[in-house]
Amino acid sequence: MDNIVLCDDDVFIVDKLSNMLKKKLGKECKVVKFTTGFSAYTYIVDVVNGDVDVLFIDIDLGVESGIDIARQIKEQYEGVKIIFITAHVQYSPDIFETYPTYFLTKPIDEKKLEAALERVEEEIENDRKNTMFYSSKGSVVRTTIRKIKYIESKKRIVIIHELNRTIEFYGKLDDVMVKLSNNFIRCHQSFIVNMNYVSNLTSSGFVLNDGTYVPVSQNKYGNTKKQLMKYLSDIL
């Protein structure tokens, strides 16, 4: 990892953590320090446009909430890893909306910090393996495989349906299918479904957990049902 942001309202904590990180990662690692959530958010969003590997942020920033700042950043840049630092572990359902990578309690222990950095590296590597890039409408668009609900093809246009958006590009489902993980199934000549989002299988198609209907062709129904049952048996 090359770009790290630290945010804690205690200057001593920020300086000490910065020194610990540079000792472990080398002086070439860029560590930027802030004492307010607003300044950290502004830097990540407006200055470097999300080009940050990991954000270390205190849960309690005085008048600010580190959880709120982390959530706003993750909504725009899901690739930024979040490590919360806190004086004591405190439960809040909001914390898990930010998909935190690790929690560090103060005073920060070197072994715990090393474990946190190892976890970050693992997640970054997993992101590389689970990310696809496509050329769409003149731009290169990144999609995270786990967020894809289903994919359809209309003539020469491939449409990826994610949780909150769709991506369209010229291509073939055959070429897309080889890049996907084994929880995806080609259930129709024109459709691929992520079984993670399947609610049930009817006699003619899948119903996803948001109510979306995806057809299953008759000649693929038997194999589709077999693959779904195997998938369910593997995860249950």
Protein backbone atom coordinates (compact mmCIF):
# COMPACT_ATOMS: atom_id res chain seq x y z
CA MET A 1 0.00 0.00 0.00
CA ASP A 2 1.28 3.46 -0.89
CA ASN A 3 -1.25 6.06 0.24
CA ILE A 4 -2.50 6.25 3.83
CA VAL A 5 -4.63 8.85 5.60
CA LEU A 6 -4.69 9.24 9.39
CA CYS A 7 -7.41 11.11 11.24
CA ASP A 8 -7.53 11.59 15.02
CA ASP A 9 -8.20 14.70 17.07
CA ASP A 10 -5.24 13.78 19.27
CA VAL A 11 -2.06 15.07 17.60
CA PHE A 12 0.10 12.75 19.69
CA ILE A 13 -1.80 9.68 18.40
CA VAL A 14 -1.55 10.85 14.79
CA ASP A 15 2.20 11.48 15.01
CA LYS A 16 2.92 8.21 16.81
CA LEU A 17 0.85 6.14 14.37
CA SER A 18 2.51 7.88 11.43
CA ASN A 19 5.95 6.95 12.76
CA MET A 20 4.88 3.35 13.36
CA LEU A 21 3.55 3.04 9.80
CA LYS A 22 6.66 4.50 8.19
CA LYS A 23 8.80 2.16 10.27
CA LYS A 24 6.85 -0.87 9.02
CA LEU A 25 6.14 0.19 5.44
CA GLY A 26 9.18 2.30 4.61
CA LYS A 27 9.64 6.02 4.08
CA GLU A 28 8.38 5.78 0.49
CA CYS A 29 4.88 5.18 1.86
CA LYS A 30 2.85 8.41 1.79
CA VAL A 31 1.13 9.14 5.11
CA VAL A 32 -1.09 12.22 5.34
CA LYS A 33 -2.26 13.36 8.79
CA PHE A 34 -5.42 15.20 9.87
CA THR A 35 -7.03 16.12 13.17
CA THR A 36 -10.58 16.72 11.88
CA GLY A 37 -12.91 14.49 9.92
CA PHE A 38 -13.87 17.33 7.59
CA SER A 39 -10.26 17.95 6.52
CA ALA A 40 -9.66 14.22 5.95
CA TYR A 41 -12.86 13.92 3.93
CA THR A 42 -12.01 17.00 1.85
CA TYR A 43 -8.53 15.67 1.09
CA ILE A 44 -9.74 12.22 0.04
CA VAL A 45 -12.69 13.44 -2.04
CA ASP A 46 -11.55 16.77 -3.47
CA VAL A 47 -7.76 16.55 -3.55
CA VAL A 48 -6.83 12.96 -4.41
CA ASN A 49 -10.20 11.77 -5.77
CA GLY A 50 -10.27 8.61 -3.67
CA ASP A 51 -6.68 7.58 -4.41
CA VAL A 52 -6.16 6.26 -0.88
CA ASP A 53 -5.46 2.68 0.18
CA VAL A 54 -6.51 2.92 3.80
CA LEU A 55 -8.01 5.45 6.18
CA PHE A 56 -7.20 5.17 9.89
CA ILE A 57 -9.88 7.16 11.68
CA ASP A 58 -10.91 7.65 15.29
CA ILE A 59 -14.53 6.77 15.98
CA ASP A 60 -14.94 9.78 18.31
CA LEU A 61 -13.61 12.99 16.78
CA GLY A 62 -15.17 15.29 19.35
CA VAL A 63 -17.99 17.14 17.58
CA GLU A 64 -17.60 14.86 14.55
CA SER A 65 -18.34 11.17 14.11
CA GLY A 66 -15.59 9.10 12.54
CA ILE A 67 -18.23 6.57 11.55
CA ASP A 68 -20.17 9.18 9.56
CA ILE A 69 -17.02 10.40 7.82
CA ALA A 70 -16.00 6.83 6.94
CA ARG A 71 -19.48 6.05 5.61
CA GLN A 72 -19.50 9.10 3.33
CA ILE A 73 -16.09 8.15 1.94
CA LYS A 74 -17.05 4.49 1.37
CA GLU A 75 -20.23 5.54 -0.45
CA GLN A 76 -18.08 7.30 -3.03
CA TYR A 77 -14.90 5.20 -2.97
CA GLU A 78 -15.61 1.64 -1.88
CA GLY A 79 -11.99 0.64 -2.43
CA VAL A 80 -10.76 2.73 0.50
CA LYS A 81 -10.14 0.41 3.47
CA ILE A 82 -11.31 1.65 6.86
CA ILE A 83 -9.49 0.97 10.12
CA PHE A 84 -11.14 2.47 13.18
CA ILE A 85 -9.00 3.56 16.10
CA THR A 86 -10.67 4.11 19.44
CA ALA A 87 -10.02 4.36 23.16
CA HIS A 88 -12.43 1.51 23.77
CA VAL A 89 -14.35 -0.87 21.55
CA GLN A 90 -17.92 0.33 21.31
CA TYR A 91 -20.78 -1.32 19.49
CA SER A 92 -22.83 0.61 16.97
CA PRO A 93 -24.78 -0.86 14.04
CA ASP A 94 -23.63 2.12 11.96
CA ILE A 95 -20.04 0.92 12.14
CA PHE A 96 -20.70 -2.10 9.98
CA GLU A 97 -22.28 -0.03 7.20
CA THR A 98 -18.73 1.15 6.48
CA TYR A 99 -17.40 -2.42 6.07
CA PRO A 100 -14.41 -1.79 8.38
CA THR A 101 -11.27 -3.79 7.80
CA TYR A 102 -10.01 -3.70 11.38
CA PHE A 103 -10.36 -2.06 14.81
CA LEU A 104 -7.37 -0.75 16.76
CA THR A 105 -7.68 0.23 20.41
CA LYS A 106 -5.52 2.87 22.06
CA PRO A 107 -2.71 2.67 22.95
CA ILE A 108 -1.95 1.08 19.58
CA ASP A 109 -0.05 -2.17 19.83
CA GLU A 110 2.60 -2.87 17.16
CA LYS A 111 1.50 -6.46 16.66
CA LYS A 112 -2.13 -5.40 16.27
CA LEU A 113 -1.09 -2.76 13.74
CA GLU A 114 0.88 -5.37 11.82
CA ALA A 115 -2.18 -7.64 11.77
CA ALA A 116 -4.33 -4.74 10.54
CA LEU A 117 -1.91 -4.01 7.68
CA GLU A 118 -1.85 -7.67 6.68
CA ARG A 119 -5.65 -7.65 6.55
CA VAL A 120 -5.59 -4.55 4.35
CA GLU A 121 -3.16 -6.23 1.93
CA GLU A 122 -5.41 -9.31 1.77
CA GLU A 123 -8.47 -7.19 0.98
CA ILE A 124 -6.62 -5.19 -1.67
CA GLU A 125 -5.52 -8.43 -3.33
CA ASN A 126 -9.08 -9.79 -3.19
CA ASP A 127 -10.33 -6.57 -4.77
CA ARG A 128 -7.91 -7.04 -7.66
CA LYS A 129 -9.20 -10.56 -8.21
CA ASN A 130 -12.85 -9.52 -7.95
CA THR A 131 -12.85 -6.41 -10.13
CA MET A 132 -13.60 -6.03 -13.84
CA PHE A 133 -13.09 -3.03 -16.11
CA TYR A 134 -15.14 -2.21 -19.21
CA SER A 135 -15.24 0.55 -21.77
CA SER A 136 -18.66 2.18 -21.53
CA LYS A 137 -19.77 5.34 -23.36
CA GLY A 138 -16.24 6.59 -23.82
CA SER A 139 -15.15 5.92 -20.24
CA VAL A 140 -13.47 3.01 -18.47
CA VAL A 141 -15.85 1.73 -15.82
CA ARG A 142 -14.94 -0.48 -12.88
CA THR A 143 -17.37 -3.04 -11.51
CA THR A 144 -17.02 -5.11 -8.36
CA ILE A 145 -18.13 -8.67 -9.09
CA ARG A 146 -19.88 -9.24 -5.75
CA LYS A 147 -22.20 -6.26 -6.43
CA ILE A 148 -23.52 -7.67 -9.72
CA LYS A 149 -27.07 -9.03 -9.41
CA TYR A 150 -27.46 -10.24 -12.97
CA ILE A 151 -26.24 -9.57 -16.50
CA GLU A 152 -28.23 -9.51 -19.70
CA SER A 153 -27.49 -9.20 -23.38
CA LYS A 154 -29.59 -7.33 -25.94
CA LYS A 155 -28.22 -7.87 -29.41
CA ARG A 156 -24.61 -6.65 -29.11
CA ILE A 157 -25.12 -4.73 -25.87
CA VAL A 158 -24.19 -6.28 -22.51
CA ILE A 159 -25.98 -4.76 -19.51
CA ILE A 160 -24.57 -5.33 -16.03
CA HIS A 161 -27.13 -4.77 -13.27
CA GLU A 162 -25.45 -3.86 -10.01
CA LEU A 163 -27.15 -3.03 -6.72
CA ASN A 164 -27.53 0.67 -7.49
CA ARG A 165 -26.61 1.18 -11.15
CA THR A 166 -26.37 -0.41 -14.58
CA ILE A 167 -23.38 -0.53 -16.94
CA GLU A 168 -23.75 -0.94 -20.70
CA PHE A 169 -21.05 -1.82 -23.21
CA TYR A 170 -20.55 -3.67 -26.47
CA GLY A 171 -19.59 -7.28 -25.93
CA LYS A 172 -20.60 -10.92 -25.57
CA LEU A 173 -21.89 -12.81 -22.54
CA ASP A 174 -19.44 -15.62 -23.31
CA ASP A 175 -16.53 -13.24 -22.75
CA VAL A 176 -18.04 -11.90 -19.52
CA MET A 177 -18.86 -15.32 -18.11
CA VAL A 178 -15.23 -16.49 -18.04
CA LYS A 179 -14.32 -13.58 -15.73
CA LEU A 180 -16.98 -14.37 -13.12
CA SER A 181 -16.82 -16.44 -9.94
CA ASN A 182 -18.60 -19.77 -9.50
CA ASN A 183 -21.68 -18.23 -7.86
CA PHE A 184 -22.76 -16.99 -11.31
CA ILE A 185 -24.81 -19.19 -13.62
CA ARG A 186 -25.69 -18.84 -17.30
CA CYS A 187 -29.41 -19.61 -17.05
CA HIS A 188 -30.46 -18.33 -20.47
CA GLN A 189 -28.86 -17.44 -23.76
CA SER A 190 -29.25 -13.79 -22.79
CA PHE A 191 -28.92 -13.87 -18.98
CA ILE A 192 -26.37 -14.59 -16.26
CA VAL A 193 -27.45 -14.56 -12.60
CA ASN A 194 -25.53 -14.10 -9.36
CA MET A 195 -26.95 -16.82 -7.10
CA ASN A 196 -26.12 -14.71 -4.04
CA TYR A 197 -29.14 -12.57 -4.90
CA VAL A 198 -31.61 -15.35 -5.74
CA SER A 199 -34.75 -15.59 -3.61
CA ASN A 200 -36.34 -18.57 -5.37
CA LEU A 201 -36.48 -20.51 -8.61
CA THR A 202 -39.86 -20.92 -10.30
CA SER A 203 -40.70 -23.19 -13.21
CA SER A 204 -39.72 -20.46 -15.65
CA GLY A 205 -37.17 -18.24 -13.96
CA PHE A 206 -35.37 -16.78 -10.97
CA VAL A 207 -36.90 -14.28 -8.57
CA LEU A 208 -34.20 -12.13 -6.99
CA ASN A 209 -34.42 -10.80 -3.46
CA ASP A 210 -35.49 -7.37 -4.72
CA GLY A 211 -38.34 -8.90 -6.76
CA THR A 212 -36.58 -8.80 -10.12
CA TYR A 213 -37.54 -11.65 -12.44
CA VAL A 214 -34.86 -13.28 -14.60
CA PRO A 215 -35.95 -15.95 -17.12
CA VAL A 216 -34.46 -19.43 -17.30
CA SER A 217 -34.61 -21.09 -20.70
CA GLN A 218 -36.29 -24.48 -20.89
CA ASN A 219 -33.22 -26.27 -22.22
CA LYS A 220 -31.09 -24.88 -19.36
CA TYR A 221 -33.61 -25.39 -16.56
CA GLY A 222 -32.41 -28.83 -15.41
CA ASN A 223 -28.76 -27.83 -15.21
CA THR A 224 -29.65 -24.47 -13.66
CA LYS A 225 -31.62 -26.12 -10.86
CA LYS A 226 -28.81 -28.62 -10.29
CA GLN A 227 -26.21 -25.85 -10.01
CA LEU A 228 -28.40 -23.82 -7.67
CA MET A 229 -28.93 -26.78 -5.35
CA LYS A 230 -25.19 -27.49 -5.28
CA TYR A 231 -24.47 -23.84 -4.55
CA LEU A 232 -26.97 -23.80 -1.67
CA SER A 233 -25.62 -27.04 -0.20
CA ASP A 234 -22.09 -25.63 -0.28
CA ILE A 235 -22.97 -22.47 1.65
CA LEU A 236 -25.43 -23.95 4.16
